[in-house]
PDB file of N, CA and C in Angstrom:
ATOM      1  N   UNK A   1      43.032  67.638 126.749  1.00  0.00           N
ATOM      2  CA  UNK A   1      42.205  66.613 127.379  1.00  0.00           C
ATOM      3  C   UNK A   1      41.853  67.278 128.143  1.00  0.00           C
ATOM      4  N   UNK A   2      40.583  67.387 129.222  1.00  0.00           N
ATOM      5  CA  UNK A   2      40.432  67.691 130.617  1.00  0.00           C
ATOM      6  C   UNK A   2      40.128  66.143 131.233  1.00  0.00           C
ATOM      7  N   UNK A   3      39.757  66.409 132.460  1.00  0.00           N
ATOM      8  CA  UNK A   3      39.551  65.396 133.707  1.00  0.00           C
ATOM      9  C   UNK A   3      38.379  65.706 133.991  1.00  0.00           C
ATOM     10  N   UNK A   4      37.602  64.170 133.939  1.00  0.00           N
ATOM     11  CA  UNK A   4      36.002  64.449 133.492  1.00  0.00           C
ATOM     12  C   UNK A   4      35.561  63.442 135.163  1.00  0.00           C
ATOM     13  N   UNK A   5      34.402  63.619 135.783  1.00  0.00           N
ATOM     14  CA  UNK A   5      34.159  63.224 136.702  1.00  0.00           C
ATOM     15  C   UNK A   5      33.145  61.938 135.844  1.00  0.00           C
ATOM     16  N   UNK A   6      32.869  62.068 135.100  1.00  0.00           N
ATOM     17  CA  UNK A   6      31.434  61.099 135.155  1.00  0.00           C
ATOM     18  C   UNK A   6      32.161  59.623 134.736  1.00  0.00           C
ATOM     19  N   UNK A   7      31.419  58.890 134.830  1.00  0.00           N
ATOM     20  CA  UNK A   7      32.077  57.373 134.965  1.00  0.00           C
ATOM     21  C   UNK A   7      32.369  57.156 133.476  1.00  0.00           C
ATOM     22  N   UNK A   8      31.954  57.682 132.458  1.00  0.00           N
ATOM     23  CA  UNK A   8      31.939  56.905 131.471  1.00  0.00           C
ATOM     24  C   UNK A   8      33.396  57.429 130.623  1.00  0.00           C
ATOM     25  N   UNK A   9      34.117  58.488 131.393  1.00  0.00           N
ATOM     26  CA  UNK A   9      35.251  58.845 130.965  1.00  0.00           C
ATOM     27  C   UNK A   9      36.146  58.335 131.115  1.00  0.00           C
ATOM     28  N   UNK A  10      37.077  57.008 130.597  1.00  0.00           N
ATOM     29  CA  UNK A  10      38.001  56.599 130.935  1.00  0.00           C
ATOM     30  C   UNK A  10      39.388  57.220 129.551  1.00  0.00           C
ATOM     31  N   UNK A  11      40.136  57.178 130.295  1.00  0.00           N
ATOM     32  CA  UNK A  11      41.719  57.877 130.090  1.00  0.00           C
ATOM     33  C   UNK A  11      42.395  56.423 129.589  1.00  0.00           C
ATOM     34  N   UNK A  12      42.490  56.702 128.280  1.00  0.00           N
ATOM     35  CA  UNK A  12      43.820  55.361 127.861  1.00  0.00           C
ATOM     36  C   UNK A  12      44.524  55.236 128.235  1.00  0.00           C
ATOM     37  N   UNK A  13      45.853  54.485 129.108  1.00  0.00           N
ATOM     38  CA  UNK A  13      46.817  54.266 129.049  1.00  0.00           C
ATOM     39  C   UNK A  13      47.725  55.165 128.337  1.00  0.00           C
ATOM     40  N   UNK A  14      48.410  56.524 128.878  1.00  0.00           N
ATOM     41  CA  UNK A  14      49.578  57.241 128.686  1.00  0.00           C
ATOM     42  C   UNK A  14      48.952  58.571 127.812  1.00  0.00           C
ATOM     43  N   UNK A  15      47.375  58.632 127.939  1.00  0.00           N
ATOM     44  CA  UNK A  15      47.144  59.796 127.288  1.00  0.00           C
ATOM     45  C   UNK A  15      47.528  60.827 128.303  1.00  0.00           C
ATOM     46  N   UNK A  16      47.199  61.892 127.638  1.00  0.00           N
ATOM     47  CA  UNK A  16      47.572  63.259 128.301  1.00  0.00           C
ATOM     48  C   UNK A  16      46.728  64.320 128.514  1.00  0.00           C
ATOM     49  N   UNK A  17      46.791  65.041 129.925  1.00  0.00           N
ATOM     50  CA  UNK A  17      45.493  65.914 129.706  1.00  0.00           C
ATOM     51  C   UNK A  17      46.142  67.447 130.332  1.00  0.00           C
ATOM     52  N   UNK A  18      45.771  68.137 129.997  1.00  0.00           N
ATOM     53  CA  UNK A  18      46.193  69.884 130.635  1.00  0.00           C
ATOM     54  C   UNK A  18      45.243  70.282 131.757  1.00  0.00           C
ATOM     55  N   UNK A  19      46.320  70.632 132.837  1.00  0.00           N
ATOM     56  CA  UNK A  19      45.289  70.941 133.681  1.00  0.00           C
ATOM     57  C   UNK A  19      45.716  72.075 134.711  1.00  0.00           C
ATOM     58  N   UNK A  20      44.950  72.869 134.753  1.00  0.00           N
ATOM     59  CA  UNK A  20      45.568  74.530 135.878  1.00  0.00           C
ATOM     60  C   UNK A  20      45.439  73.532 137.249  1.00  0.00           C
ATOM     61  N   UNK A  21      46.522  73.328 137.849  1.00  0.00           N
ATOM     62  CA  UNK A  21      46.728  72.716 139.410  1.00  0.00           C
ATOM     63  C   UNK A  21      46.833  73.819 140.365  1.00  0.00           C
ATOM     64  N   UNK A  22      45.828  73.856 141.121  1.00  0.00           N
ATOM     65  CA  UNK A  22      45.860  74.810 142.313  1.00  0.00           C
ATOM     66  C   UNK A  22      46.629  74.461 143.518  1.00  0.00           C
ATOM     67  N   UNK A  23      46.997  72.927 143.571  1.00  0.00           N
ATOM     68  CA  UNK A  23      47.292  72.598 144.454  1.00  0.00           C
ATOM     69  C   UNK A  23      47.702  70.631 144.666  1.00  0.00           C
ATOM     70  N   UNK A  24      48.302  70.482 145.964  1.00  0.00           N
ATOM     71  CA  UNK A  24      48.127  68.782 146.274  1.00  0.00           C
ATOM     72  C   UNK A  24      47.939  68.628 147.872  1.00  0.00           C
ATOM     73  N   UNK A  25      47.961  67.638 148.112  1.00  0.00           N
ATOM     74  CA  UNK A  25      47.706  67.185 149.555  1.00  0.00           C
ATOM     75  C   UNK A  25      48.002  65.944 149.078  1.00  0.00           C
ATOM     76  N   UNK A  26      48.623  64.915 150.279  1.00  0.00           N
ATOM     77  CA  UNK A  26      49.271  63.563 150.536  1.00  0.00           C
ATOM     78  C   UNK A  26      48.493  63.336 151.944  1.00  0.00           C
ATOM     79  N   UNK A  27      47.594  62.039 152.487  1.00  0.00           N
ATOM     80  CA  UNK A  27      47.507  61.391 153.673  1.00  0.00           C
ATOM     81  C   UNK A  27      47.951  60.229 153.374  1.00  0.00           C
ATOM     82  N   UNK A  28      48.568  60.375 154.337  1.00  0.00           N
ATOM     83  CA  UNK A  28      49.331  58.820 154.984  1.00  0.00           C
ATOM     84  C   UNK A  28      49.140  58.224 156.433  1.00  0.00           C
ATOM     85  N   UNK A  29      49.468  57.170 156.671  1.00  0.00           N
ATOM     86  CA  UNK A  29      49.266  56.820 158.121  1.00  0.00           C
ATOM     87  C   UNK A  29      49.081  55.317 158.261  1.00  0.00           C
ATOM     88  N   UNK A  30      48.835  54.302 159.324  1.00  0.00           N
ATOM     89  CA  UNK A  30      48.306  53.085 159.672  1.00  0.00           C
ATOM     90  C   UNK A  30      47.032  53.118 160.389  1.00  0.00           C
ATOM     91  N   UNK A  31      46.197  52.700 160.048  1.00  0.00           N
ATOM     92  CA  UNK A  31      45.065  52.742 160.466  1.00  0.00           C
ATOM     93  C   UNK A  31      44.750  51.712 161.901  1.00  0.00           C
ATOM     94  N   UNK A  32      46.023  50.694 162.028  1.00  0.00           N
ATOM     95  CA  UNK A  32      45.803  49.946 163.666  1.00  0.00           C
ATOM     96  C   UNK A  32      47.576  49.206 163.669  1.00  0.00           C
ATOM     97  N   UNK A  33      47.157  48.539 164.699  1.00  0.00           N
ATOM     98  CA  UNK A  33      48.809  48.222 165.218  1.00  0.00           C
ATOM     99  C   UNK A  33      48.890  47.051 164.209  1.00  0.00           C
ATOM    100  N   UNK A  34      48.317  46.290 163.645  1.00  0.00           N
ATOM    101  CA  UNK A  34      48.794  44.969 162.806  1.00  0.00           C
ATOM    102  C   UNK A  34      48.990  45.436 161.532  1.00  0.00           C
ATOM    103  N   UNK A  35      48.964  46.925 161.366  1.00  0.00           N
ATOM    104  CA  UNK A  35      49.728  47.156 160.092  1.00  0.00           C
ATOM    105  C   UNK A  35      48.957  47.559 158.781  1.00  0.00           C
ATOM    106  N   UNK A  36      48.024  48.361 158.850  1.00  0.00           N
ATOM    107  CA  UNK A  36      47.470  48.386 157.800  1.00  0.00           C
ATOM    108  C   UNK A  36      47.605  49.676 157.088  1.00  0.00           C
ATOM    109  N   UNK A  37      48.369  50.273 156.226  1.00  0.00           N
ATOM    110  CA  UNK A  37      48.802  51.354 156.240  1.00  0.00           C
ATOM    111  C   UNK A  37      48.059  51.899 154.980  1.00  0.00           C
ATOM    112  N   UNK A  38      47.952  53.124 154.924  1.00  0.00           N
ATOM    113  CA  UNK A  38      47.045  53.922 153.759  1.00  0.00           C
ATOM    114  C   UNK A  38      48.180  55.291 152.815  1.00  0.00           C
ATOM    115  N   UNK A  39      47.902  55.253 152.162  1.00  0.00           N
ATOM    116  CA  UNK A  39      48.159  56.538 151.337  1.00  0.00           C
ATOM    117  C   UNK A  39      47.792  57.132 150.389  1.00  0.00           C
ATOM    118  N   UNK A  40      47.053  58.149 150.583  1.00  0.00           N
ATOM    119  CA  UNK A  40      46.212  58.930 149.633  1.00  0.00           C
ATOM    120  C   UNK A  40      46.189  59.963 149.062  1.00  0.00           C
ATOM    121  N   UNK A  41      46.890  59.876 147.396  1.00  0.00           N
ATOM    122  CA  UNK A  41      47.567  61.633 147.576  1.00  0.00           C
ATOM    123  C   UNK A  41      46.756  61.492 146.292  1.00  0.00           C
ATOM    124  N   UNK A  42      46.584  63.458 146.478  1.00  0.00           N
ATOM    125  CA  UNK A  42      45.438  63.603 145.651  1.00  0.00           C
ATOM    126  C   UNK A  42      46.272  65.304 144.429  1.00  0.00           C
ATOM    127  N   UNK A  43      45.802  65.504 143.322  1.00  0.00           N
ATOM    128  CA  UNK A  43      46.099  66.855 142.928  1.00  0.00           C
ATOM    129  C   UNK A  43      44.599  67.241 142.882  1.00  0.00           C
ATOM    130  N   UNK A  44      44.471  68.955 143.020  1.00  0.00           N
ATOM    131  CA  UNK A  44      43.835  69.856 143.031  1.00  0.00           C
ATOM    132  C   UNK A  44      43.712  70.622 141.742  1.00  0.00           C
ATOM    133  N   UNK A  45      43.097  70.575 141.065  1.00  0.00           N
ATOM    134  CA  UNK A  45      43.091  71.678 139.728  1.00  0.00           C
ATOM    135  C   UNK A  45      41.600  72.557 139.669  1.00  0.00           C
ATOM    136  N   UNK A  46      41.388  72.987 138.871  1.00  0.00           N
ATOM    137  CA  UNK A  46      40.902  74.212 138.144  1.00  0.00           C
ATOM    138  C   UNK A  46      40.405  73.544 136.604  1.00  0.00           C
ATOM    139  N   UNK A  47      39.182  73.034 136.076  1.00  0.00           N
ATOM    140  CA  UNK A  47      39.111  72.373 134.685  1.00  0.00           C
ATOM    141  C   UNK A  47      37.869  73.257 134.230  1.00  0.00           C
ATOM    142  N   UNK A  48      37.568  73.290 132.853  1.00  0.00           N
ATOM    143  CA  UNK A  48      36.865  74.215 132.494  1.00  0.00           C
ATOM    144  C   UNK A  48      35.335  73.397 132.699  1.00  0.00           C
ATOM    145  N   UNK A  49      34.428  73.936 132.598  1.00  0.00           N
ATOM    146  CA  UNK A  49      32.876  72.980 133.085  1.00  0.00           C
ATOM    147  C   UNK A  49      32.667  72.724 132.089  1.00  0.00           C
ATOM    148  N   UNK A  50      32.131  71.015 132.049  1.00  0.00           N
ATOM    149  CA  UNK A  50      31.729  70.526 130.972  1.00  0.00           C
ATOM    150  C   UNK A  50      30.150  70.402 131.047  1.00  0.00           C
ATOM    151  N   UNK A  51      29.971  71.111 129.545  1.00  0.00           N
ATOM    152  CA  UNK A  51      28.419  70.794 129.170  1.00  0.00           C
ATOM    153  C   UNK A  51      28.584  69.924 128.299  1.00  0.00           C
ATOM    154  N   UNK A  52      26.930  69.595 129.061  1.00  0.00           N
ATOM    155  CA  UNK A  52      26.439  68.223 127.624  1.00  0.00           C
ATOM    156  C   UNK A  52      24.592  68.550 128.242  1.00  0.00           C
ATOM    157  N   UNK A  53      24.406  67.915 127.376  1.00  0.00           N
ATOM    158  CA  UNK A  53      22.366  67.802 126.891  1.00  0.00           C
ATOM    159  C   UNK A  53      22.531  66.312 125.926  1.00  0.00           C
ATOM    160  N   UNK A  54      20.823  65.847 127.403  1.00  0.00           N
ATOM    161  CA  UNK A  54      20.312  64.664 126.572  1.00  0.00           C
ATOM    162  C   UNK A  54      19.079  64.705 126.541  1.00  0.00           C
ATOM    163  N   UNK A  55      18.102  64.198 126.104  1.00  0.00           N
ATOM    164  CA  UNK A  55      16.813  64.388 126.251  1.00  0.00           C
ATOM    165  C   UNK A  55      15.782  64.518 127.496  1.00  0.00           C
ATOM    166  N   UNK A  56      16.897  63.950 128.247  1.00  0.00           N
ATOM    167  CA  UNK A  56      16.204  64.324 130.191  1.00  0.00           C
ATOM    168  C   UNK A  56      16.827  65.284 131.047  1.00  0.00           C
ATOM    169  N   UNK A  57      18.374  65.680 130.142  1.00  0.00           N
ATOM    170  CA  UNK A  57      18.756  66.648 131.439  1.00  0.00           C
ATOM    171  C   UNK A  57      19.934  67.563 131.039  1.00  0.00           C
ATOM    172  N   UNK A  58      20.161  68.390 131.085  1.00  0.00           N
ATOM    173  CA  UNK A  58      21.059  69.608 130.215  1.00  0.00           C
ATOM    174  C   UNK A  58      21.793  70.217 131.569  1.00  0.00           C
ATOM    175  N   UNK A  59      23.169  70.131 131.380  1.00  0.00           N
ATOM    176  CA  UNK A  59      24.154  71.079 132.158  1.00  0.00           C
ATOM    177  C   UNK A  59      24.470  72.001 131.333  1.00  0.00           C
ATOM    178  N   UNK A  60      24.451  73.414 131.957  1.00  0.00           N
ATOM    179  CA  UNK A  60      25.265  74.663 131.720  1.00  0.00           C
ATOM    180  C   UNK A  60      25.993  75.193 132.588  1.00  0.00           C
ATOM    181  N   UNK A  61      27.223  75.754 131.952  1.00  0.00           N
ATOM    182  CA  UNK A  61      27.880  76.700 133.487  1.00  0.00           C
ATOM    183  C   UNK A  61      28.942  77.894 132.125  1.00  0.00           C
ATOM    184  N   UNK A  62      29.570  77.723 132.673  1.00  0.00           N
ATOM    185  CA  UNK A  62      30.870  79.247 132.424  1.00  0.00           C
ATOM    186  C   UNK A  62      31.935  78.948 133.490  1.00  0.00           C
ATOM    187  N   UNK A  63      33.231  78.674 132.857  1.00  0.00           N
ATOM    188  CA  UNK A  63      33.982  79.089 133.770  1.00  0.00           C
ATOM    189  C   UNK A  63      34.802  77.615 134.399  1.00  0.00           C
ATOM    190  N   UNK A  64      35.239  77.689 135.274  1.00  0.00           N
ATOM    191  CA  UNK A  64      35.716  76.554 136.203  1.00  0.00           C
ATOM    192  C   UNK A  64      35.195  75.619 137.388  1.00  0.00           C
ATOM    193  N   UNK A  65      35.164  74.601 136.723  1.00  0.00           N
ATOM    194  CA  UNK A  65      34.850  74.058 138.496  1.00  0.00           C
ATOM    195  C   UNK A  65      35.785  72.933 138.497  1.00  0.00           C
ATOM    196  N   UNK A  66      35.529  73.076 140.372  1.00  0.00           N
ATOM    197  CA  UNK A  66      37.051  71.743 140.810  1.00  0.00           C
ATOM    198  C   UNK A  66      37.189  70.812 140.745  1.00  0.00           C
ATOM    199  N   UNK A  67      38.410  70.047 140.344  1.00  0.00           N
ATOM    200  CA  UNK A  67      38.942  68.284 139.722  1.00  0.00           C
ATOM    201  C   UNK A  67      39.630  68.045 141.383  1.00  0.00           C
ATOM    202  N   UNK A  68      39.787  66.905 141.774  1.00  0.00           N
ATOM    203  CA  UNK A  68      40.350  65.766 142.143  1.00  0.00           C
ATOM    204  C   UNK A  68      40.614  64.988 141.742  1.00  0.00           C
ATOM    205  N   UNK A  69      42.019  64.594 141.338  1.00  0.00           N
ATOM    206  CA  UNK A  69      42.748  63.552 140.579  1.00  0.00           C
ATOM    207  C   UNK A  69      43.552  62.784 141.443  1.00  0.00           C
ATOM    208  N   UNK A  70      43.750  61.577 141.500  1.00  0.00           N
ATOM    209  CA  UNK A  70      44.678  60.648 142.467  1.00  0.00           C
ATOM    210  C   UNK A  70      45.624  60.351 141.602  1.00  0.00           C
ATOM    211  N   UNK A  71      46.879  60.778 141.898  1.00  0.00           N
ATOM    212  CA  UNK A  71      48.424  60.483 141.781  1.00  0.00           C
ATOM    213  C   UNK A  71      49.012  59.230 142.019  1.00  0.00           C
ATOM    214  N   UNK A  72      49.921  58.914 141.184  1.00  0.00           N
ATOM    215  CA  UNK A  72      50.659  57.366 142.109  1.00  0.00           C
ATOM    216  C   UNK A  72      52.016  57.774 142.557  1.00  0.00           C
ATOM    217  N   UNK A  73      52.051  58.173 143.692  1.00  0.00           N
ATOM    218  CA  UNK A  73      53.122  58.551 144.639  1.00  0.00           C
ATOM    219  C   UNK A  73      54.429  57.364 144.556  1.00  0.00           C
ATOM    220  N   UNK A  74      54.082  56.249 143.920  1.00  0.00           N
ATOM    221  CA  UNK A  74      55.416  55.389 143.802  1.00  0.00           C
ATOM    222  C   UNK A  74      55.539  55.771 142.035  1.00  0.00           C
ATOM    223  N   UNK A  75      55.219  56.593 141.613  1.00  0.00           N
ATOM    224  CA  UNK A  75      55.803  56.528 140.225  1.00  0.00           C
ATOM    225  C   UNK A  75      56.300  58.102 140.398  1.00  0.00           C
ATOM    226  N   UNK A  76      56.108  58.769 140.523  1.00  0.00           N
ATOM    227  CA  UNK A  76      56.647  60.604 140.350  1.00  0.00           C
ATOM    228  C   UNK A  76      56.585  60.601 142.127  1.00  0.00           C
ATOM    229  N   UNK A  77      57.270  61.397 143.110  1.00  0.00           N
ATOM    230  CA  UNK A  77      56.953  61.506 144.362  1.00  0.00           C
ATOM    231  C   UNK A  77      56.661  63.071 144.961  1.00  0.00           C
ATOM    232  N   UNK A  78      56.599  63.256 145.933  1.00  0.00           N
ATOM    233  CA  UNK A  78      55.595  64.568 146.253  1.00  0.00           C
ATOM    234  C   UNK A  78      56.399  65.179 146.147  1.00  0.00           C
ATOM    235  N   UNK A  79      58.325  65.078 146.483  1.00  0.00           N
ATOM    236  CA  UNK A  79      58.793  66.202 146.351  1.00  0.00           C
ATOM    237  C   UNK A  79      58.807  66.984 145.833  1.00  0.00           C
ATOM    238  N   UNK A  80      58.004  66.167 143.957  1.00  0.00           N
ATOM    239  CA  UNK A  80      58.245  66.893 142.880  1.00  0.00           C
ATOM    240  C   UNK A  80      57.263  68.610 142.780  1.00  0.00           C
ATOM    241  N   UNK A  81      55.847  67.972 143.429  1.00  0.00           N
ATOM    242  CA  UNK A  81      55.072  69.064 143.656  1.00  0.00           C
ATOM    243  C   UNK A  81      55.380  69.971 144.586  1.00  0.00           C
ATOM    244  N   UNK A  82      56.477  69.850 145.444  1.00  0.00           N
ATOM    245  CA  UNK A  82      56.774  71.145 146.332  1.00  0.00           C
ATOM    246  C   UNK A  82      57.384  71.556 145.697  1.00  0.00           C
ATOM    247  N   UNK A  83      57.982  71.821 144.247  1.00  0.00           N
ATOM    248  CA  UNK A  83      58.638  72.643 143.378  1.00  0.00           C
ATOM    249  C   UNK A  83      58.142  73.385 142.603  1.00  0.00           C
ATOM    250  N   UNK A  84      56.293  73.520 142.675  1.00  0.00           N
ATOM    251  CA  UNK A  84      55.584  74.173 141.475  1.00  0.00           C
ATOM    252  C   UNK A  84      55.270  75.004 141.920  1.00  0.00           C
ATOM    253  N   UNK A  85      55.125  76.324 141.722  1.00  0.00           N
ATOM    254  CA  UNK A  85      54.583  77.311 141.519  1.00  0.00           C
ATOM    255  C   UNK A  85      53.282  77.415 141.319  1.00  0.00           C
ATOM    256  N   UNK A  86      52.879  77.293 142.491  1.00  0.00           N
ATOM    257  CA  UNK A  86      50.827  76.998 142.191  1.00  0.00           C
ATOM    258  C   UNK A  86      50.473  78.723 142.662  1.00  0.00           C
ATOM    259  N   UNK A  87      49.276  78.743 141.706  1.00  0.00           N
ATOM    260  CA  UNK A  87      48.613  77.282 140.369  1.00  0.00           C
ATOM    261  C   UNK A  87      49.762  77.568 139.417  1.00  0.00           C
ATOM    262  N   UNK A  88      49.355  76.459 138.397  1.00  0.00           N
ATOM    263  CA  UNK A  88      50.723  76.278 137.363  1.00  0.00           C
ATOM    264  C   UNK A  88      49.424  75.568 136.501  1.00  0.00           C
ATOM    265  N   UNK A  89      50.305  75.351 135.277  1.00  0.00           N
ATOM    266  CA  UNK A  89      49.616  74.557 133.959  1.00  0.00           C
ATOM    267  C   UNK A  89      50.115  73.585 133.902  1.00  0.00           C
ATOM    268  N   UNK A  90      49.766  72.308 134.164  1.00  0.00           N
ATOM    269  CA  UNK A  90      50.674  71.003 134.202  1.00  0.00           C
ATOM    270  C   UNK A  90      49.879  70.264 132.633  1.00  0.00           C
ATOM    271  N   UNK A  91      50.798  69.247 132.495  1.00  0.00           N
ATOM    272  CA  UNK A  91      50.038  67.859 131.700  1.00  0.00           C
ATOM    273  C   UNK A  91      50.476  67.190 132.191  1.00  0.00           C
ATOM    274  N   UNK A  92      49.183  66.195 132.714  1.00  0.00           N
ATOM    275  CA  UNK A  92      48.991  64.821 133.121  1.00  0.00           C
ATOM    276  C   UNK A  92      49.504  64.134 132.130  1.00  0.00           C
ATOM    277  N   UNK A  93      50.258  62.494 133.150  1.00  0.00           N
ATOM    278  CA  UNK A  93      50.268  61.669 132.545  1.00  0.00           C
ATOM    279  C   UNK A  93      49.184  60.619 132.867  1.00  0.00           C
ATOM    280  N   UNK A  94      47.834  59.856 132.126  1.00  0.00           N
ATOM    281  CA  UNK A  94      46.854  59.423 133.341  1.00  0.00           C
ATOM    282  C   UNK A  94      47.372  58.027 132.662  1.00  0.00           C
ATOM    283  N   UNK A  95      46.657  57.495 133.701  1.00  0.00           N
ATOM    284  CA  UNK A  95      46.118  55.954 133.453  1.00  0.00           C
ATOM    285  C   UNK A  95      44.971  55.390 134.331  1.00  0.00           C
ATOM    286  N   UNK A  96      44.932  54.412 134.211  1.00  0.00           N
ATOM    287  CA  UNK A  96      43.497  53.853 135.160  1.00  0.00           C
ATOM    288  C   UNK A  96      44.214  52.458 136.151  1.00  0.00           C
ATOM    289  N   UNK A  97      43.303  52.365 136.878  1.00  0.00           N
ATOM    290  CA  UNK A  97      43.273  51.378 137.834  1.00  0.00           C
ATOM    291  C   UNK A  97      42.477  50.857 138.375  1.00  0.00           C
ATOM    292  N   UNK A  98      42.118  49.648 138.892  1.00  0.00           N
ATOM    293  CA  UNK A  98      40.789  49.348 139.301  1.00  0.00           C
ATOM    294  C   UNK A  98      41.053  49.877 140.748  1.00  0.00           C
ATOM    295  N   UNK A  99      39.745  50.210 141.347  1.00  0.00           N
ATOM    296  CA  UNK A  99      38.950  50.566 142.685  1.00  0.00           C
ATOM    297  C   UNK A  99      37.886  50.309 142.881  1.00  0.00           C
ATOM    298  N   UNK A 100      37.177  49.685 144.222  1.00  0.00           N
ATOM    299  CA  UNK A 100      36.450  49.063 144.513  1.00  0.00           C
ATOM    300  C   UNK A 100      35.476  48.399 143.522  1.00  0.00           C
ATOM    301  N   UNK A 101      35.555  47.623 142.589  1.00  0.00           N
ATOM    302  CA  UNK A 101      35.499  46.923 141.479  1.00  0.00           C
ATOM    303  C   UNK A 101      34.736  48.152 140.524  1.00  0.00           C
ATOM    304  N   UNK A 102      35.817  48.988 140.127  1.00  0.00           N
ATOM    305  CA  UNK A 102      35.750  49.903 138.928  1.00  0.00           C
ATOM    306  C   UNK A 102      36.803  50.688 138.629  1.00  0.00           C
ATOM    307  N   UNK A 103      36.591  50.838 137.531  1.00  0.00           N
ATOM    308  CA  UNK A 103      38.332  51.901 137.647  1.00  0.00           C
ATOM    309  C   UNK A 103      37.997  53.218 137.601  1.00  0.00           C
ATOM    310  N   UNK A 104      39.250  53.535 137.956  1.00  0.00           N
ATOM    311  CA  UNK A 104      39.465  55.182 138.125  1.00  0.00           C
ATOM    312  C   UNK A 104      41.109  56.086 137.507  1.00  0.00           C
ATOM    313  N   UNK A 105      40.562  57.046 137.039  1.00  0.00           N
ATOM    314  CA  UNK A 105      41.837  57.132 136.388  1.00  0.00           C
ATOM    315  C   UNK A 105      42.502  57.954 137.356  1.00  0.00           C
ATOM    316  N   UNK A 106      43.942  57.545 137.172  1.00  0.00           N
ATOM    317  CA  UNK A 106      44.880  58.322 138.574  1.00  0.00           C
ATOM    318  C   UNK A 106      46.244  58.767 137.180  1.00  0.00           C
ATOM    319  N   UNK A 107      46.511  60.167 137.869  1.00  0.00           N
ATOM    320  CA  UNK A 107      47.586  60.671 137.556  1.00  0.00           C
ATOM    321  C   UNK A 107      49.032  59.603 137.509  1.00  0.00           C
ATOM    322  N   UNK A 108      50.038  59.471 136.700  1.00  0.00           N
ATOM    323  CA  UNK A 108      51.361  58.755 136.726  1.00  0.00           C
ATOM    324  C   UNK A 108      52.510  59.614 136.358  1.00  0.00           C
ATOM    325  N   UNK A 109      52.354  61.011 135.927  1.00  0.00           N
ATOM    326  CA  UNK A 109      53.394  61.353 135.225  1.00  0.00           C
ATOM    327  C   UNK A 109      52.568  62.922 135.131  1.00  0.00           C
ATOM    328  N   UNK A 110      53.552  63.594 135.174  1.00  0.00           N
ATOM    329  CA  UNK A 110      53.171  65.436 134.564  1.00  0.00           C
ATOM    330  C   UNK A 110      54.741  66.007 134.182  1.00  0.00           C
ATOM    331  N   UNK A 111      54.570  66.898 133.016  1.00  0.00           N
ATOM    332  CA  UNK A 111      55.450  68.016 132.784  1.00  0.00           C
ATOM    333  C   UNK A 111      54.884  69.558 132.707  1.00  0.00           C
ATOM    334  N   UNK A 112      55.239  70.316 133.735  1.00  0.00           N
ATOM    335  CA  UNK A 112      55.042  71.952 133.431  1.00  0.00           C
ATOM    336  C   UNK A 112      54.836  72.309 131.964  1.00  0.00           C
ATOM    337  N   UNK A 113      53.864  73.041 131.972  1.00  0.00           N
ATOM    338  CA  UNK A 113      53.555  73.941 130.693  1.00  0.00           C
ATOM    339  C   UNK A 113      54.115  74.771 130.901  1.00  0.00           C
ATOM    340  N   UNK A 114      54.637  75.886 129.677  1.00  0.00           N
ATOM    341  CA  UNK A 114      54.913  77.495 129.691  1.00  0.00           C
ATOM    342  C   UNK A 114      53.781  77.874 129.291  1.00  0.00           C
ATOM    343  N   UNK A 115      53.320  79.399 130.394  1.00  0.00           N
ATOM    344  CA  UNK A 115      52.199  80.030 129.788  1.00  0.00           C
ATOM    345  C   UNK A 115      51.410  79.854 130.296  1.00  0.00           C
TER     346      UNK A 115
END
């Protein structure tokens, strides 16, 4: 199963997905003196181009497209990513969380796959 950026593709809690990971980035800080902290951790990968066709639209392509997946830094630390030999293939454990009135997919764990 691969990550989809379409709103109609929600992951079932604990579902797994294979991804070619090319890196990660985590932005942490505090917006104000009053204490408004933020933490934005993301995984970057290359997923196969999603092809689809409807009566009104057709998506064609070949190869890979970039994907950005948020991960839960409270579940697995960023230090775990520092040990990875990028690029690498991982199996992500997915969940969903509410964000701005919608649900978004989030990675809550991973394991490195061989080959």
